[in-house]
Amino acid sequence: MLKKIPPEVFDMVFIDPPYFLQLKRKKLKRWNSKTLVRGVFEEWDSFSSFEEYDRFIESLLLEVKRVMKPNATLWVMGTYHNIFRVGKIMQDLGFWILNDVIWVKTNPMPNWLGVRFTNATETLIWAVKDKSVKNYTFNREYAKSFGIGKIGANKMLGRDFVLIEKNPQYVQLIRERLFLLLDR
């Protein structure tokens, strides 16, 4: 889909790439509640190796860079499964990282085995195309509003936006959320 978009059209891009969770195909049950843990076993998160995943991310980032305006910013979201690989690839491609932001989840996946810390955060990397970019947009007051969600923030700011999603179920959820926001 990105390949169909002309170059240098976006002021800001937000991507939430596959996390490459590398989960084994087995039933996992939470110890206390005995409920099943649903892993991600869909094609979009299946890669045969780190090398294949890295090639996918590099290709995605190159296309994103192509559609970004010269002073555009990029937000990339990930977990400990992928964010460090993605950040390294971004730097290798010349992106300049402005900040990392930690999103603290209010309802994280329970720590049912008790063998490591609860995964209660995700990391966002905020970057520009390269180190020379100085006139990107940062509005400190609006930044405080990120908690309302990506779509809500765009609506509140009166910005046009494009959403790309290949999973029809997610597309429907996005439509429903958008309808609620735009109907206010």
C-alpha atoms as a PDB file:
ATOM      1  CA  MET A   1       0.000   0.000   0.000  1.00  0.00           C
ATOM      2  CA  LEU A   2       2.787   2.469   0.857  1.00  0.00           C
ATOM      3  CA  LYS A   3       4.319   2.011  -2.594  1.00  0.00           C
ATOM      4  CA  LYS A   4       1.142   3.532  -4.105  1.00  0.00           C
ATOM      5  CA  ILE A   5       1.536   6.757  -2.125  1.00  0.00           C
ATOM      6  CA  PRO A   6       3.473   9.612  -3.759  1.00  0.00           C
ATOM      7  CA  PRO A   7       6.748  10.732  -2.123  1.00  0.00           C
ATOM      8  CA  GLU A   8       6.961  13.351   0.617  1.00  0.00           C
ATOM      9  CA  VAL A   9       3.269  13.725   1.464  1.00  0.00           C
ATOM     10  CA  PHE A  10       3.114  13.167   5.243  1.00  0.00           C
ATOM     11  CA  ASP A  11       4.031  15.507   8.097  1.00  0.00           C
ATOM     12  CA  MET A  12       3.958  12.662  10.600  1.00  0.00           C
ATOM     13  CA  VAL A  13       3.912   8.873  10.307  1.00  0.00           C
ATOM     14  CA  PHE A  14       2.992   6.431  13.070  1.00  0.00           C
ATOM     15  CA  ILE A  15       3.780   2.739  12.557  1.00  0.00           C
ATOM     16  CA  ASP A  16       3.133  -0.242  14.780  1.00  0.00           C
ATOM     17  CA  PRO A  17       5.064  -2.985  12.964  1.00  0.00           C
ATOM     18  CA  PRO A  18       4.819  -6.708  13.727  1.00  0.00           C
ATOM     19  CA  TYR A  19       6.558  -7.521  17.002  1.00  0.00           C
ATOM     20  CA  PHE A  20       7.954 -10.916  15.896  1.00  0.00           C
ATOM     21  CA  LEU A  21       6.855 -12.454  19.191  1.00  0.00           C
ATOM     22  CA  GLN A  22       8.394 -15.853  18.396  1.00  0.00           C
ATOM     23  CA  LEU A  23       5.832 -17.713  20.498  1.00  0.00           C
ATOM     24  CA  LYS A  24       5.736 -21.476  20.446  1.00  0.00           C
ATOM     25  CA  ARG A  25       2.582 -23.130  19.188  1.00  0.00           C
ATOM     26  CA  LYS A  26       1.359 -24.630  22.414  1.00  0.00           C
ATOM     27  CA  LYS A  27      -1.494 -24.036  24.788  1.00  0.00           C
ATOM     28  CA  LEU A  28      -0.584 -21.616  27.525  1.00  0.00           C
ATOM     29  CA  LYS A  29      -2.870 -21.342  30.533  1.00  0.00           C
ATOM     30  CA  ARG A  30      -2.685 -18.780  33.259  1.00  0.00           C
ATOM     31  CA  TRP A  31      -2.013 -20.599  36.518  1.00  0.00           C
ATOM     32  CA  ASN A  32      -4.587 -18.938  38.743  1.00  0.00           C
ATOM     33  CA  SER A  33      -7.511 -18.293  36.418  1.00  0.00           C
ATOM     34  CA  LYS A  34      -6.853 -21.260  34.073  1.00  0.00           C
ATOM     35  CA  THR A  35      -7.785 -19.082  31.090  1.00  0.00           C
ATOM     36  CA  LEU A  36      -6.013 -19.556  27.779  1.00  0.00           C
ATOM     37  CA  VAL A  37      -3.388 -17.123  26.566  1.00  0.00           C
ATOM     38  CA  ARG A  38      -3.883 -16.265  22.923  1.00  0.00           C
ATOM     39  CA  GLY A  39      -0.578 -15.881  21.159  1.00  0.00           C
ATOM     40  CA  VAL A  40      -0.131 -14.218  17.805  1.00  0.00           C
ATOM     41  CA  PHE A  41       0.235 -16.982  15.225  1.00  0.00           C
ATOM     42  CA  GLU A  42      -0.873 -15.037  12.195  1.00  0.00           C
ATOM     43  CA  GLU A  43       1.110 -14.617   8.997  1.00  0.00           C
ATOM     44  CA  TRP A  44       1.815 -10.936   9.591  1.00  0.00           C
ATOM     45  CA  ASP A  45       3.904 -11.773  12.695  1.00  0.00           C
ATOM     46  CA  SER A  46       5.614 -14.887  11.309  1.00  0.00           C
ATOM     47  CA  PHE A  47       9.206 -14.634  10.162  1.00  0.00           C
ATOM     48  CA  SER A  48      11.651 -17.504   9.694  1.00  0.00           C
ATOM     49  CA  SER A  49      14.580 -15.643  11.263  1.00  0.00           C
ATOM     50  CA  PHE A  50      15.774 -12.345  12.680  1.00  0.00           C
ATOM     51  CA  GLU A  51      17.375 -11.664   9.287  1.00  0.00           C
ATOM     52  CA  GLU A  52      14.029 -11.985   7.503  1.00  0.00           C
ATOM     53  CA  TYR A  53      12.367  -9.763  10.110  1.00  0.00           C
ATOM     54  CA  ASP A  54      15.149  -7.179   9.776  1.00  0.00           C
ATOM     55  CA  ARG A  55      14.766  -7.120   5.971  1.00  0.00           C
ATOM     56  CA  PHE A  56      11.017  -6.569   6.372  1.00  0.00           C
ATOM     57  CA  ILE A  57      11.552  -3.705   8.829  1.00  0.00           C
ATOM     58  CA  GLU A  58      14.243  -2.123   6.648  1.00  0.00           C
ATOM     59  CA  SER A  59      11.967  -2.256   3.603  1.00  0.00           C
ATOM     60  CA  LEU A  60       9.073  -0.776   5.597  1.00  0.00           C
ATOM     61  CA  LEU A  61      11.226   2.030   7.005  1.00  0.00           C
ATOM     62  CA  LEU A  62      12.618   2.908   3.571  1.00  0.00           C
ATOM     63  CA  GLU A  63       9.076   3.269   2.219  1.00  0.00           C
ATOM     64  CA  VAL A  64       8.045   5.309   5.251  1.00  0.00           C
ATOM     65  CA  LYS A  65      11.060   7.573   4.778  1.00  0.00           C
ATOM     66  CA  ARG A  66      10.087   8.041   1.129  1.00  0.00           C
ATOM     67  CA  VAL A  67       6.551   9.255   1.979  1.00  0.00           C
ATOM     68  CA  MET A  68       7.703  11.570   4.782  1.00  0.00           C
ATOM     69  CA  LYS A  69       8.042  15.282   4.027  1.00  0.00           C
ATOM     70  CA  PRO A  70      11.569  16.644   4.645  1.00  0.00           C
ATOM     71  CA  ASN A  71      10.677  17.881   8.144  1.00  0.00           C
ATOM     72  CA  ALA A  72       8.238  15.067   9.016  1.00  0.00           C
ATOM     73  CA  THR A  73       8.472  13.009  12.173  1.00  0.00           C
ATOM     74  CA  LEU A  74       8.099   9.268  12.634  1.00  0.00           C
ATOM     75  CA  TRP A  75       6.681   7.394  15.604  1.00  0.00           C
ATOM     76  CA  VAL A  76       7.442   3.674  15.878  1.00  0.00           C
ATOM     77  CA  MET A  77       5.817   1.524  18.548  1.00  0.00           C
ATOM     78  CA  GLY A  78       7.142  -1.775  19.862  1.00  0.00           C
ATOM     79  CA  THR A  79       7.857  -4.045  22.791  1.00  0.00           C
ATOM     80  CA  TYR A  80      11.045  -5.575  24.097  1.00  0.00           C
ATOM     81  CA  HIS A  81      10.577  -8.238  21.397  1.00  0.00           C
ATOM     82  CA  ASN A  82      11.383  -5.831  18.573  1.00  0.00           C
ATOM     83  CA  ILE A  83      11.932  -2.192  19.495  1.00  0.00           C
ATOM     84  CA  PHE A  84      15.706  -2.442  19.919  1.00  0.00           C
ATOM     85  CA  ARG A  85      16.118  -4.134  16.520  1.00  0.00           C
ATOM     86  CA  VAL A  86      13.861  -1.533  14.910  1.00  0.00           C
ATOM     87  CA  GLY A  87      15.762   1.333  16.557  1.00  0.00           C
ATOM     88  CA  LYS A  88      19.103  -0.022  15.329  1.00  0.00           C
ATOM     89  CA  ILE A  89      17.771  -0.384  11.781  1.00  0.00           C
ATOM     90  CA  MET A  90      16.383   3.169  11.950  1.00  0.00           C
ATOM     91  CA  GLN A  91      19.799   4.480  12.925  1.00  0.00           C
ATOM     92  CA  ASP A  92      21.494   2.418  10.202  1.00  0.00           C
ATOM     93  CA  LEU A  93      19.120   4.039   7.672  1.00  0.00           C
ATOM     94  CA  GLY A  94      20.018   7.523   8.862  1.00  0.00           C
ATOM     95  CA  PHE A  95      16.951   8.342  10.948  1.00  0.00           C
ATOM     96  CA  TRP A  96      17.722  10.652  13.872  1.00  0.00           C
ATOM     97  CA  ILE A  97      16.048   9.612  17.124  1.00  0.00           C
ATOM     98  CA  LEU A  98      14.585  12.552  19.019  1.00  0.00           C
ATOM     99  CA  ASN A  99      13.124  10.704  22.011  1.00  0.00           C
ATOM    100  CA  ASP A 100      11.872   7.429  23.294  1.00  0.00           C
ATOM    101  CA  VAL A 101       8.555   7.466  25.104  1.00  0.00           C
ATOM    102  CA  ILE A 102       7.404   4.749  27.475  1.00  0.00           C
ATOM    103  CA  TRP A 103       3.715   3.863  27.333  1.00  0.00           C
ATOM    104  CA  VAL A 104       2.648   2.294  30.626  1.00  0.00           C
ATOM    105  CA  LYS A 105      -0.198  -0.154  30.070  1.00  0.00           C
ATOM    106  CA  THR A 106      -3.014   0.062  32.578  1.00  0.00           C
ATOM    107  CA  ASN A 107      -4.154  -3.503  31.872  1.00  0.00           C
ATOM    108  CA  PRO A 108      -1.080  -5.549  30.848  1.00  0.00           C
ATOM    109  CA  MET A 109      -0.932  -9.266  30.156  1.00  0.00           C
ATOM    110  CA  PRO A 110      -0.800 -10.982  33.566  1.00  0.00           C
ATOM    111  CA  ASN A 111       2.493 -12.441  34.726  1.00  0.00           C
ATOM    112  CA  TRP A 112       1.141 -15.949  35.154  1.00  0.00           C
ATOM    113  CA  LEU A 113       4.425 -17.849  35.507  1.00  0.00           C
ATOM    114  CA  GLY A 114       6.206 -15.416  37.801  1.00  0.00           C
ATOM    115  CA  VAL A 115       9.611 -16.023  36.175  1.00  0.00           C
ATOM    116  CA  ARG A 116      10.176 -12.447  34.941  1.00  0.00           C
ATOM    117  CA  PHE A 117       8.769  -8.953  35.334  1.00  0.00           C
ATOM    118  CA  THR A 118       5.296  -8.185  34.004  1.00  0.00           C
ATOM    119  CA  ASN A 119       5.420  -6.693  30.505  1.00  0.00           C
ATOM    120  CA  ALA A 120       3.560  -3.537  31.409  1.00  0.00           C
ATOM    121  CA  THR A 121       5.092  -1.091  28.919  1.00  0.00           C
ATOM    122  CA  GLU A 122       5.636  -0.473  25.248  1.00  0.00           C
ATOM    123  CA  THR A 123       8.219   1.882  23.794  1.00  0.00           C
ATOM    124  CA  LEU A 124       7.670   4.529  21.155  1.00  0.00           C
ATOM    125  CA  ILE A 125      10.611   5.907  19.205  1.00  0.00           C
ATOM    126  CA  TRP A 126      10.185   9.451  17.894  1.00  0.00           C
ATOM    127  CA  ALA A 127      12.502  10.335  15.023  1.00  0.00           C
ATOM    128  CA  VAL A 128      13.120  12.490  11.962  1.00  0.00           C
ATOM    129  CA  LYS A 129      14.552  11.495   8.566  1.00  0.00           C
ATOM    130  CA  ASP A 130      18.108  12.517   9.459  1.00  0.00           C
ATOM    131  CA  LYS A 131      20.211  14.566  11.856  1.00  0.00           C
ATOM    132  CA  SER A 132      19.978  17.730   9.734  1.00  0.00           C
ATOM    133  CA  VAL A 133      16.192  18.093  10.237  1.00  0.00           C
ATOM    134  CA  LYS A 134      15.566  20.982  12.623  1.00  0.00           C
ATOM    135  CA  ASN A 135      12.149  22.436  11.761  1.00  0.00           C
ATOM    136  CA  TYR A 136       9.918  19.501  12.715  1.00  0.00           C
ATOM    137  CA  THR A 137       6.702  20.134  14.637  1.00  0.00           C
ATOM    138  CA  PHE A 138       6.606  19.708  18.387  1.00  0.00           C
ATOM    139  CA  ASN A 139       3.729  21.206  20.327  1.00  0.00           C
ATOM    140  CA  ARG A 140       4.288  20.642  24.010  1.00  0.00           C
ATOM    141  CA  GLU A 141       0.663  21.352  24.977  1.00  0.00           C
ATOM    142  CA  TYR A 142      -0.808  18.948  22.435  1.00  0.00           C
ATOM    143  CA  ALA A 143       1.751  16.305  23.395  1.00  0.00           C
ATOM    144  CA  LYS A 144       0.027  16.053  26.775  1.00  0.00           C
ATOM    145  CA  SER A 145      -3.098  14.801  24.959  1.00  0.00           C
ATOM    146  CA  PHE A 146      -1.588  11.618  23.501  1.00  0.00           C
ATOM    147  CA  GLY A 147      -3.510   9.500  25.987  1.00  0.00           C
ATOM    148  CA  ILE A 148      -6.710   9.865  23.967  1.00  0.00           C
ATOM    149  CA  GLY A 149      -5.284   7.755  21.166  1.00  0.00           C
ATOM    150  CA  LYS A 150      -3.781   8.254  17.741  1.00  0.00           C
ATOM    151  CA  ILE A 151      -7.090   8.787  15.952  1.00  0.00           C
ATOM    152  CA  GLY A 152      -8.484  11.047  18.649  1.00  0.00           C
ATOM    153  CA  ALA A 153      -5.358  13.194  18.688  1.00  0.00           C
ATOM    154  CA  ASN A 154      -5.621  13.747  14.940  1.00  0.00           C
ATOM    155  CA  LYS A 155      -9.279  14.688  15.191  1.00  0.00           C
ATOM    156  CA  MET A 156      -8.650  17.033  18.088  1.00  0.00           C
ATOM    157  CA  LEU A 157      -5.861  18.770  16.173  1.00  0.00           C
ATOM    158  CA  GLY A 158      -8.036  19.084  13.064  1.00  0.00           C
ATOM    159  CA  ARG A 159      -5.528  17.158  10.972  1.00  0.00           C
ATOM    160  CA  ASP A 160      -6.109  14.993   7.947  1.00  0.00           C
ATOM    161  CA  PHE A 161      -4.824  11.462   8.326  1.00  0.00           C
ATOM    162  CA  VAL A 162      -4.494   8.185   6.447  1.00  0.00           C
ATOM    163  CA  LEU A 163      -4.839   4.830   8.159  1.00  0.00           C
ATOM    164  CA  ILE A 164      -3.457   1.667   6.564  1.00  0.00           C
ATOM    165  CA  GLU A 165      -4.477  -1.699   8.012  1.00  0.00           C
ATOM    166  CA  LYS A 166      -4.613  -5.061   6.265  1.00  0.00           C
ATOM    167  CA  ASN A 167      -6.630  -7.020   8.834  1.00  0.00           C
ATOM    168  CA  PRO A 168     -10.374  -6.599   8.059  1.00  0.00           C
ATOM    169  CA  GLN A 169     -11.302  -7.035  11.742  1.00  0.00           C
ATOM    170  CA  TYR A 170      -9.020  -4.176  12.738  1.00  0.00           C
ATOM    171  CA  VAL A 171     -10.366  -2.055   9.889  1.00  0.00           C
ATOM    172  CA  GLN A 172     -13.877  -2.530  11.280  1.00  0.00           C
ATOM    173  CA  LEU A 173     -12.745  -1.616  14.806  1.00  0.00           C
ATOM    174  CA  ILE A 174     -11.027   1.495  13.464  1.00  0.00           C
ATOM    175  CA  ARG A 175     -14.192   2.500  11.576  1.00  0.00           C
ATOM    176  CA  GLU A 176     -16.288   2.087  14.715  1.00  0.00           C
ATOM    177  CA  ARG A 177     -13.836   4.108  16.799  1.00  0.00           C
ATOM    178  CA  LEU A 178     -13.610   6.804  14.143  1.00  0.00           C
ATOM    179  CA  PHE A 179     -17.396   7.006  13.873  1.00  0.00           C
ATOM    180  CA  LEU A 180     -17.680   7.548  17.626  1.00  0.00           C
ATOM    181  CA  LEU A 181     -15.011  10.256  17.596  1.00  0.00           C
ATOM    182  CA  LEU A 182     -16.332  12.083  14.530  1.00  0.00           C
ATOM    183  CA  ASP A 183     -19.918  11.905  15.778  1.00  0.00           C
ATOM    184  CA  ARG A 184     -19.113  14.009  18.876  1.00  0.00           C
END
